[in-house]
């Protein structure tokens, strides 16, 4: 499984099929991806490697490291430093196959737009 950023400066691969796809509605994910939710899937960190370029990181909390392309800004990864997993944004994957099952993490309720 391969993926990367919009401009092509960063490429990565997962040596196994990613698992546990989910939508996260937390405010930090919303800010990272500039959307109402972040769509993630991932694997054990040992199954992930960068094949081109360097992922830039922003530490959004004491336990969360968020990766992106420094050139085009594409959000790429999320790592909880206390766990051995890495999550990738589903939109950054090259292969667009339907996930077997989706989990939704609880998030805030939104006011209706006028």
Protein backbone atom coordinates (compact mmCIF):
# COMPACT_ATOMS: atom_id res chain seq x y z
CA UNK A 1 0.00 0.00 0.00
CA UNK A 2 1.48 3.31 -1.07
CA UNK A 3 0.58 6.94 -0.69
CA UNK A 4 1.94 10.42 -0.57
CA UNK A 5 1.32 14.12 -0.72
CA UNK A 6 -0.28 16.18 -3.47
CA UNK A 7 2.97 17.59 -4.89
CA UNK A 8 4.85 14.27 -4.82
CA UNK A 9 7.67 15.44 -2.55
CA UNK A 10 6.73 12.85 0.12
CA UNK A 11 5.89 9.22 -0.61
CA UNK A 12 5.34 6.38 1.84
CA UNK A 13 4.43 2.72 1.89
CA UNK A 14 2.77 0.30 4.27
CA UNK A 15 4.05 -3.27 3.98
CA UNK A 16 0.64 -4.63 5.04
CA UNK A 17 -2.92 -3.58 4.29
CA UNK A 18 -3.96 -0.76 6.61
CA UNK A 19 -6.67 -1.57 9.13
CA UNK A 20 -9.20 0.00 11.47
CA UNK A 21 -10.38 2.85 9.24
CA UNK A 22 -12.15 5.54 11.20
CA UNK A 23 -13.51 9.05 11.11
CA UNK A 24 -12.29 11.26 13.95
CA UNK A 25 -14.31 14.35 14.83
CA UNK A 26 -11.96 15.75 17.48
CA UNK A 27 -11.15 19.44 17.13
CA UNK A 28 -7.44 18.77 16.51
CA UNK A 29 -8.18 16.44 13.57
CA UNK A 30 -10.64 18.99 12.22
CA UNK A 31 -7.92 21.63 12.29
CA UNK A 32 -5.27 19.34 10.77
CA UNK A 33 -7.35 18.37 7.75
CA UNK A 34 -9.51 21.54 7.55
CA UNK A 35 -12.70 19.51 7.54
CA UNK A 36 -15.44 18.32 9.90
CA UNK A 37 -13.52 15.06 10.49
CA UNK A 38 -10.26 13.29 9.75
CA UNK A 39 -10.44 10.00 7.82
CA UNK A 40 -7.69 7.66 9.03
CA UNK A 41 -6.42 4.12 8.66
CA UNK A 42 -3.09 2.65 9.67
CA UNK A 43 -0.89 -0.09 10.98
CA UNK A 44 1.93 -0.86 13.37
CA UNK A 45 4.72 1.70 13.00
CA UNK A 46 7.17 -1.04 11.90
CA UNK A 47 5.06 -1.57 8.75
CA UNK A 48 5.42 2.07 7.62
CA UNK A 49 8.31 3.71 5.81
CA UNK A 50 8.90 6.93 3.92
CA UNK A 51 10.17 6.18 0.40
CA UNK A 52 10.73 9.76 -0.80
CA UNK A 53 11.30 13.04 0.99
CA UNK A 54 10.80 13.82 4.65
CA UNK A 55 7.57 14.13 6.60
CA UNK A 56 7.45 17.35 8.61
CA UNK A 57 5.83 17.09 12.05
CA UNK A 58 3.79 19.21 14.40
CA UNK A 59 3.33 18.05 17.99
CA UNK A 60 -0.30 18.94 18.65
CA UNK A 61 -0.31 17.62 22.23
CA UNK A 62 1.99 15.84 24.66
CA UNK A 63 1.11 12.51 23.02
CA UNK A 64 0.21 13.41 19.41
CA UNK A 65 2.54 13.93 16.47
CA UNK A 66 0.96 15.03 13.19
CA UNK A 67 2.82 14.64 9.90
CA UNK A 68 2.48 16.71 6.74
CA UNK A 69 4.34 17.70 3.58
CA UNK A 70 6.37 20.84 4.20
CA UNK A 71 6.10 21.80 0.50
CA UNK A 72 2.37 21.48 -0.26
CA UNK A 73 0.85 21.09 3.22
CA UNK A 74 -0.90 17.77 2.60
CA UNK A 75 -1.79 16.16 5.97
CA UNK A 76 -0.29 12.66 5.99
CA UNK A 77 0.06 11.00 9.39
CA UNK A 78 -1.01 10.89 13.01
CA UNK A 79 1.00 9.15 15.72
CA UNK A 80 0.03 8.74 19.35
CA UNK A 81 3.50 8.54 20.89
CA UNK A 82 2.20 6.21 23.62
CA UNK A 83 1.15 3.58 21.05
CA UNK A 84 3.10 1.67 18.37
CA UNK A 85 0.68 2.59 15.54
CA UNK A 86 0.83 5.15 12.80
CA UNK A 87 -2.31 6.41 11.08
CA UNK A 88 -2.33 7.78 7.54
CA UNK A 89 -4.95 10.01 5.99
CA UNK A 90 -7.14 7.85 3.78
CA UNK A 91 -7.09 10.55 1.11
CA UNK A 92 -3.29 10.30 0.84
CA UNK A 93 -3.41 6.62 -0.13
CA UNK A 94 -2.98 5.78 -3.81
CA UNK A 95 -5.34 2.82 -3.64
CA UNK A 96 -8.96 3.74 -3.08
CA UNK A 97 -10.69 0.56 -2.02
CA UNK A 98 -13.75 0.49 0.18
CA UNK A 99 -12.94 -0.16 3.84
CA UNK A 100 -14.39 -3.34 5.29
CA UNK A 101 -15.86 -1.42 8.22
CA UNK A 102 -15.79 2.13 9.49
CA UNK A 103 -15.68 3.26 13.07
CA UNK A 104 -16.65 6.76 14.07
CA UNK A 105 -15.03 8.35 17.07
CA UNK A 106 -17.37 10.54 19.11
CA UNK A 107 -17.16 14.23 18.47
CA UNK A 108 -18.99 17.44 19.16
CA UNK A 109 -22.43 18.22 17.86
CA UNK A 110 -22.55 21.10 15.43
CA UNK A 111 -24.89 24.02 15.18
CA UNK A 112 -26.99 24.06 12.03
CA UNK A 113 -25.76 26.41 9.36
CA UNK A 114 -28.25 29.05 8.27
